[in-house]
N, C-alpha and C. Protein backbone atom coordinates (compact mmCIF):
# COMPACT_ATOMS: atom_id res chain seq x y z
N UNK A 1 56.36 84.22 136.88
CA UNK A 1 57.75 84.31 137.25
C UNK A 1 57.89 83.86 138.70
N UNK A 2 59.00 83.23 139.03
CA UNK A 2 59.24 82.78 140.40
C UNK A 2 60.67 83.12 140.80
N UNK A 3 60.88 83.29 142.08
CA UNK A 3 62.22 83.50 142.60
C UNK A 3 62.88 82.13 142.64
N UNK A 4 63.94 81.95 141.89
CA UNK A 4 64.54 80.64 141.69
C UNK A 4 64.94 79.93 142.99
N UNK A 5 65.53 80.65 143.92
CA UNK A 5 66.05 80.00 145.12
C UNK A 5 64.96 79.36 145.98
N UNK A 6 63.78 79.91 145.99
CA UNK A 6 62.73 79.40 146.86
C UNK A 6 61.46 79.05 146.10
N UNK A 7 61.45 79.29 144.82
CA UNK A 7 60.28 79.02 143.98
C UNK A 7 59.03 79.72 144.54
N UNK A 8 59.22 80.96 144.97
CA UNK A 8 58.12 81.77 145.49
C UNK A 8 57.52 82.55 144.33
N UNK A 9 56.21 82.45 144.12
CA UNK A 9 55.62 83.23 143.04
C UNK A 9 55.84 84.73 143.25
N UNK A 10 56.25 85.39 142.21
CA UNK A 10 56.49 86.83 142.28
C UNK A 10 56.15 87.46 140.94
N UNK A 11 54.86 87.50 140.59
CA UNK A 11 54.47 87.98 139.27
C UNK A 11 54.80 89.45 139.02
N UNK A 12 54.97 90.22 140.07
CA UNK A 12 55.26 91.64 139.88
C UNK A 12 56.73 91.98 140.13
N UNK A 13 57.58 90.98 140.17
CA UNK A 13 59.00 91.19 140.39
C UNK A 13 59.59 91.99 139.23
N UNK A 14 60.26 93.07 139.55
CA UNK A 14 60.86 93.94 138.53
C UNK A 14 62.37 93.81 138.64
N UNK A 15 63.05 93.54 137.53
CA UNK A 15 64.51 93.50 137.59
C UNK A 15 65.05 94.89 137.98
N UNK A 16 66.02 94.91 138.84
CA UNK A 16 66.59 96.19 139.29
C UNK A 16 67.69 96.59 138.31
N UNK A 17 67.41 97.67 137.59
CA UNK A 17 68.38 98.21 136.64
C UNK A 17 68.94 99.55 137.11
N UNK A 18 68.16 100.22 137.95
CA UNK A 18 68.54 101.55 138.41
C UNK A 18 68.08 101.74 139.85
N UNK A 19 68.99 102.24 140.68
CA UNK A 19 68.67 102.43 142.10
C UNK A 19 68.98 103.86 142.52
N UNK A 20 68.11 104.41 143.35
CA UNK A 20 68.33 105.72 143.95
C UNK A 20 68.75 105.50 145.40
N UNK A 21 69.93 105.98 145.74
CA UNK A 21 70.46 105.83 147.09
C UNK A 21 70.62 107.20 147.72
N UNK A 22 70.02 107.39 148.89
CA UNK A 22 70.12 108.66 149.61
C UNK A 22 69.96 108.36 151.10
N UNK A 23 71.09 108.30 151.80
CA UNK A 23 71.05 107.90 153.21
C UNK A 23 71.81 108.88 154.09
N UNK A 24 71.33 109.04 155.31
CA UNK A 24 72.03 109.82 156.32
C UNK A 24 73.10 108.93 156.97
N UNK A 25 72.70 107.74 157.40
CA UNK A 25 73.61 106.78 158.03
C UNK A 25 74.22 105.92 156.92
N UNK A 26 75.50 106.09 156.71
CA UNK A 26 76.16 105.43 155.58
C UNK A 26 76.73 104.05 155.94
N UNK A 27 76.37 103.53 157.11
CA UNK A 27 76.81 102.20 157.52
C UNK A 27 76.36 101.17 156.49
N UNK A 28 77.30 100.41 155.95
CA UNK A 28 76.97 99.36 154.98
C UNK A 28 76.70 99.85 153.57
N UNK A 29 76.70 101.17 153.38
CA UNK A 29 76.38 101.73 152.07
C UNK A 29 77.32 101.23 150.98
N UNK A 30 78.60 101.29 151.23
CA UNK A 30 79.57 100.97 150.18
C UNK A 30 79.47 99.51 149.77
N UNK A 31 79.36 98.60 150.72
CA UNK A 31 79.23 97.18 150.37
C UNK A 31 77.95 96.94 149.56
N UNK A 32 76.86 97.57 149.97
CA UNK A 32 75.60 97.40 149.25
C UNK A 32 75.70 97.99 147.85
N UNK A 33 76.28 99.19 147.74
CA UNK A 33 76.43 99.82 146.44
C UNK A 33 77.33 98.99 145.53
N UNK A 34 78.38 98.40 146.09
CA UNK A 34 79.26 97.53 145.29
C UNK A 34 78.50 96.33 144.76
N UNK A 35 77.64 95.74 145.59
CA UNK A 35 76.85 94.59 145.15
C UNK A 35 75.89 95.00 144.03
N UNK A 36 75.26 96.14 144.18
CA UNK A 36 74.37 96.63 143.12
C UNK A 36 75.14 96.86 141.83
N UNK A 37 76.27 97.56 141.94
CA UNK A 37 77.08 97.85 140.75
C UNK A 37 77.56 96.57 140.08
N UNK A 38 77.96 95.59 140.88
CA UNK A 38 78.42 94.31 140.33
C UNK A 38 77.30 93.59 139.58
N UNK A 39 76.06 93.87 139.97
CA UNK A 39 74.91 93.26 139.29
C UNK A 39 74.46 94.09 138.09
N UNK A 40 75.23 95.14 137.77
CA UNK A 40 74.91 95.95 136.61
C UNK A 40 73.87 97.03 136.85
N UNK A 41 73.61 97.35 138.11
CA UNK A 41 72.62 98.37 138.45
C UNK A 41 73.26 99.75 138.35
N UNK A 42 72.56 100.68 137.68
CA UNK A 42 73.02 102.07 137.63
C UNK A 42 72.71 102.72 138.98
N UNK A 43 73.70 103.38 139.56
CA UNK A 43 73.54 104.03 140.85
C UNK A 43 73.27 105.51 140.64
N UNK A 44 72.18 105.97 141.22
CA UNK A 44 71.82 107.39 141.22
C UNK A 44 71.77 107.80 142.68
N UNK A 45 72.33 108.97 142.99
CA UNK A 45 72.41 109.32 144.39
C UNK A 45 72.39 110.82 144.61
N UNK A 46 72.40 111.18 145.89
CA UNK A 46 72.33 112.58 146.30
C UNK A 46 73.57 112.95 147.11
N UNK A 47 73.92 114.21 147.10
CA UNK A 47 74.94 114.82 147.93
C UNK A 47 76.00 113.95 148.54
N UNK A 48 75.95 113.84 149.87
CA UNK A 48 76.96 113.09 150.62
C UNK A 48 76.98 111.61 150.29
N UNK A 49 75.83 111.07 149.95
CA UNK A 49 75.77 109.65 149.58
C UNK A 49 76.49 109.44 148.26
N UNK A 50 76.25 110.32 147.30
CA UNK A 50 76.94 110.23 146.00
C UNK A 50 78.45 110.38 146.19
N UNK A 51 78.84 111.30 147.05
CA UNK A 51 80.27 111.51 147.30
C UNK A 51 80.90 110.26 147.90
N UNK A 52 80.24 109.64 148.86
CA UNK A 52 80.78 108.43 149.49
C UNK A 52 80.93 107.31 148.46
N UNK A 53 79.95 107.16 147.59
CA UNK A 53 80.01 106.12 146.55
C UNK A 53 81.14 106.42 145.57
N UNK A 54 81.23 107.66 145.12
CA UNK A 54 82.29 108.05 144.18
C UNK A 54 83.67 107.90 144.82
N UNK A 55 83.79 108.29 146.09
CA UNK A 55 85.06 108.16 146.80
C UNK A 55 85.50 106.71 146.94
N UNK A 56 84.54 105.79 146.89
CA UNK A 56 84.85 104.36 146.96
C UNK A 56 85.19 103.81 145.57
N UNK A 57 85.21 104.69 144.57
CA UNK A 57 85.65 104.29 143.23
C UNK A 57 84.56 103.76 142.32
N UNK A 58 83.31 103.99 142.69
CA UNK A 58 82.20 103.50 141.85
C UNK A 58 81.60 104.63 141.04
N UNK A 59 81.06 104.26 139.89
CA UNK A 59 80.34 105.22 139.07
C UNK A 59 79.00 105.51 139.73
N UNK A 60 78.66 106.79 139.81
CA UNK A 60 77.38 107.19 140.41
C UNK A 60 76.91 108.43 139.68
N UNK A 61 75.63 108.50 139.43
CA UNK A 61 75.03 109.64 138.75
C UNK A 61 74.32 110.50 139.80
N UNK A 62 74.66 111.76 139.87
CA UNK A 62 74.02 112.64 140.83
C UNK A 62 72.58 112.89 140.42
N UNK A 63 71.68 112.89 141.37
CA UNK A 63 70.25 113.06 141.08
C UNK A 63 69.99 114.39 140.37
N UNK A 64 70.84 115.38 140.58
CA UNK A 64 70.64 116.67 139.90
C UNK A 64 70.78 116.54 138.39
N UNK A 65 71.48 115.50 137.92
CA UNK A 65 71.54 115.24 136.47
C UNK A 65 70.17 114.81 135.95
N UNK A 66 69.40 114.11 136.76
CA UNK A 66 68.05 113.69 136.35
C UNK A 66 67.08 114.86 136.38
N UNK A 67 67.22 115.69 137.41
CA UNK A 67 66.24 116.75 137.61
C UNK A 67 66.59 118.03 136.87
N UNK A 68 67.87 118.22 136.58
CA UNK A 68 68.30 119.49 135.99
C UNK A 68 68.23 120.62 137.00
N UNK A 69 68.21 120.25 138.28
CA UNK A 69 68.04 121.22 139.36
C UNK A 69 69.00 120.86 140.48
N UNK A 70 69.73 121.83 141.04
CA UNK A 70 70.70 121.51 142.10
C UNK A 70 70.02 121.27 143.44
N UNK A 71 70.77 120.62 144.33
CA UNK A 71 70.31 120.52 145.72
C UNK A 71 70.24 121.93 146.28
N UNK A 72 69.22 122.20 147.09
CA UNK A 72 69.10 123.51 147.70
C UNK A 72 68.75 123.36 149.18
N UNK A 73 68.81 124.46 149.89
CA UNK A 73 68.44 124.53 151.30
C UNK A 73 69.20 123.51 152.14
N UNK A 74 70.53 123.58 152.04
CA UNK A 74 71.42 122.70 152.81
C UNK A 74 71.15 121.22 152.53
N UNK A 75 70.75 120.90 151.30
CA UNK A 75 70.50 119.50 150.95
C UNK A 75 69.14 118.99 151.33
N UNK A 76 68.30 119.86 151.88
CA UNK A 76 66.96 119.42 152.29
C UNK A 76 66.06 119.16 151.08
N UNK A 77 66.33 119.86 149.98
CA UNK A 77 65.51 119.68 148.77
C UNK A 77 66.42 119.18 147.66
N UNK A 78 66.21 117.92 147.29
CA UNK A 78 67.04 117.33 146.23
C UNK A 78 66.28 116.32 145.39
N UNK A 79 65.40 115.56 145.98
CA UNK A 79 64.68 114.54 145.20
C UNK A 79 63.21 114.89 145.01
N UNK A 80 62.79 116.05 145.51
CA UNK A 80 61.39 116.46 145.36
C UNK A 80 61.23 117.08 143.97
N UNK A 81 61.04 116.23 142.98
CA UNK A 81 60.99 116.69 141.59
C UNK A 81 60.20 115.67 140.76
N UNK A 82 59.42 116.13 139.78
CA UNK A 82 58.65 115.19 138.94
C UNK A 82 59.51 114.14 138.24
N UNK A 83 60.75 114.47 137.90
CA UNK A 83 61.61 113.47 137.24
C UNK A 83 61.92 112.30 138.16
N UNK A 84 62.01 112.56 139.45
CA UNK A 84 62.26 111.50 140.42
C UNK A 84 60.95 110.79 140.76
N UNK A 85 59.92 111.56 141.08
CA UNK A 85 58.64 110.94 141.45
C UNK A 85 58.05 110.14 140.30
N UNK A 86 58.14 110.66 139.08
CA UNK A 86 57.65 109.92 137.92
C UNK A 86 58.43 108.64 137.71
N UNK A 87 59.74 108.69 137.96
CA UNK A 87 60.58 107.50 137.81
C UNK A 87 60.22 106.43 138.82
N UNK A 88 59.76 106.85 140.00
CA UNK A 88 59.39 105.91 141.05
C UNK A 88 57.95 105.42 140.94
N UNK A 89 57.05 106.30 140.55
CA UNK A 89 55.62 106.00 140.62
C UNK A 89 54.99 105.58 139.31
N UNK A 90 55.70 105.75 138.21
CA UNK A 90 55.14 105.37 136.91
C UNK A 90 54.82 103.88 136.86
N UNK A 91 53.63 103.55 136.41
CA UNK A 91 53.22 102.15 136.25
C UNK A 91 53.65 101.71 134.86
N UNK A 92 54.59 100.79 134.81
CA UNK A 92 55.24 100.45 133.55
C UNK A 92 54.34 99.80 132.52
N UNK A 93 53.32 99.07 132.98
CA UNK A 93 52.45 98.43 132.00
C UNK A 93 51.19 99.26 131.72
N UNK A 94 51.20 100.50 132.15
CA UNK A 94 50.11 101.42 131.83
C UNK A 94 50.56 102.27 130.64
N UNK A 95 49.90 102.14 129.49
CA UNK A 95 50.34 102.87 128.29
C UNK A 95 50.40 104.39 128.49
N UNK A 96 49.48 104.95 129.25
CA UNK A 96 49.51 106.40 129.48
C UNK A 96 50.71 106.80 130.32
N UNK A 97 51.01 106.01 131.34
CA UNK A 97 52.19 106.29 132.16
C UNK A 97 53.45 106.17 131.32
N UNK A 98 53.53 105.10 130.53
CA UNK A 98 54.71 104.89 129.69
C UNK A 98 54.91 106.05 128.72
N UNK A 99 53.82 106.50 128.14
CA UNK A 99 53.90 107.63 127.20
C UNK A 99 54.36 108.89 127.93
N UNK A 100 53.80 109.17 129.09
CA UNK A 100 54.21 110.35 129.86
C UNK A 100 55.69 110.28 130.21
N UNK A 101 56.16 109.09 130.59
CA UNK A 101 57.58 108.94 130.92
C UNK A 101 58.45 109.19 129.70
N UNK A 102 58.06 108.64 128.56
CA UNK A 102 58.81 108.89 127.32
C UNK A 102 58.79 110.37 126.96
N UNK A 103 57.60 110.97 126.99
CA UNK A 103 57.44 112.38 126.61
C UNK A 103 58.29 113.31 127.48
N UNK A 104 58.48 112.93 128.73
CA UNK A 104 59.21 113.79 129.66
C UNK A 104 60.61 113.26 129.98
N UNK A 105 61.05 112.28 129.19
CA UNK A 105 62.41 111.72 129.33
C UNK A 105 62.68 111.23 130.75
N UNK A 106 61.70 110.51 131.28
CA UNK A 106 61.82 109.95 132.63
C UNK A 106 62.16 108.47 132.51
N UNK A 107 63.29 108.09 133.09
CA UNK A 107 63.70 106.69 133.11
C UNK A 107 63.32 106.09 134.46
N UNK A 108 62.77 104.88 134.47
CA UNK A 108 62.30 104.30 135.74
C UNK A 108 63.43 104.08 136.75
N UNK A 109 63.08 104.20 138.01
CA UNK A 109 63.95 103.84 139.12
C UNK A 109 63.30 102.63 139.77
N UNK A 110 64.07 101.55 139.91
CA UNK A 110 63.53 100.26 140.36
C UNK A 110 63.67 100.02 141.86
N UNK A 111 64.60 100.72 142.49
CA UNK A 111 64.89 100.46 143.90
C UNK A 111 65.26 101.78 144.58
N UNK A 112 64.75 101.98 145.78
CA UNK A 112 65.12 103.15 146.58
C UNK A 112 65.77 102.65 147.86
N UNK A 113 66.92 103.23 148.17
CA UNK A 113 67.62 102.94 149.42
C UNK A 113 67.66 104.25 150.18
N UNK A 114 66.99 104.28 151.32
CA UNK A 114 66.84 105.53 152.05
C UNK A 114 66.71 105.24 153.54
N UNK A 115 67.00 106.23 154.34
CA UNK A 115 66.73 106.16 155.77
C UNK A 115 66.20 107.52 156.20
N UNK A 116 65.87 107.63 157.44
CA UNK A 116 65.31 108.88 157.94
C UNK A 116 66.39 109.72 158.61
N UNK A 117 66.33 110.99 158.36
CA UNK A 117 67.19 111.96 159.02
C UNK A 117 66.85 111.93 160.51
N UNK A 118 67.85 111.92 161.38
CA UNK A 118 67.57 111.82 162.82
C UNK A 118 67.13 113.17 163.41
N UNK A 119 65.92 113.58 163.06
CA UNK A 119 65.42 114.90 163.48
C UNK A 119 65.52 115.12 164.98
N UNK A 120 65.09 114.14 165.75
CA UNK A 120 65.07 114.30 167.21
C UNK A 120 66.47 114.48 167.76
N UNK A 121 67.43 113.69 167.29
CA UNK A 121 68.81 113.82 167.75
C UNK A 121 69.36 115.20 167.42
N UNK A 122 69.10 115.66 166.22
CA UNK A 122 69.60 116.96 165.79
C UNK A 122 68.94 118.07 166.61
N UNK A 123 67.66 117.94 166.86
CA UNK A 123 66.96 118.94 167.66
C UNK A 123 67.54 119.01 169.07
N UNK A 124 67.77 117.84 169.67
CA UNK A 124 68.34 117.81 171.03
C UNK A 124 69.74 118.42 171.08
N UNK A 125 70.50 118.22 170.01
CA UNK A 125 71.87 118.72 170.00
C UNK A 125 71.94 120.23 169.75
N UNK A 126 70.83 120.80 169.29
CA UNK A 126 70.81 122.23 169.00
C UNK A 126 71.33 122.58 167.63
N UNK A 127 71.74 121.57 166.85
CA UNK A 127 72.24 121.80 165.48
C UNK A 127 71.06 121.87 164.53
N UNK A 128 71.36 122.29 163.29
CA UNK A 128 70.38 122.27 162.20
C UNK A 128 69.20 123.09 162.47
């Protein structure tokens, strides 16, 4: 397989069908999410990110629907779950991984959009 625009070999290129979005800084989020949605990508998200996407009029699935577990500890714990990790780490052409994903109803996640929480800024401000 090759990337058509540049004819760059990409044998492990995976079509993006499902994306997990979870960001602190929402700059550019809506435009990016719109582009993903326009390409037919299912959007899965967390807390404030999911709210921002939904408020922009896009369909978004809350990650708690995948995990069957709500966000806890002020949103600090939301994606730390086998349903999310299995969706990210499962090797699709490994029969054992594929079977485990089927057995546990884990659907693959092809793309992660994330940034880091500004711990140092929050610490300096005395918040959190």
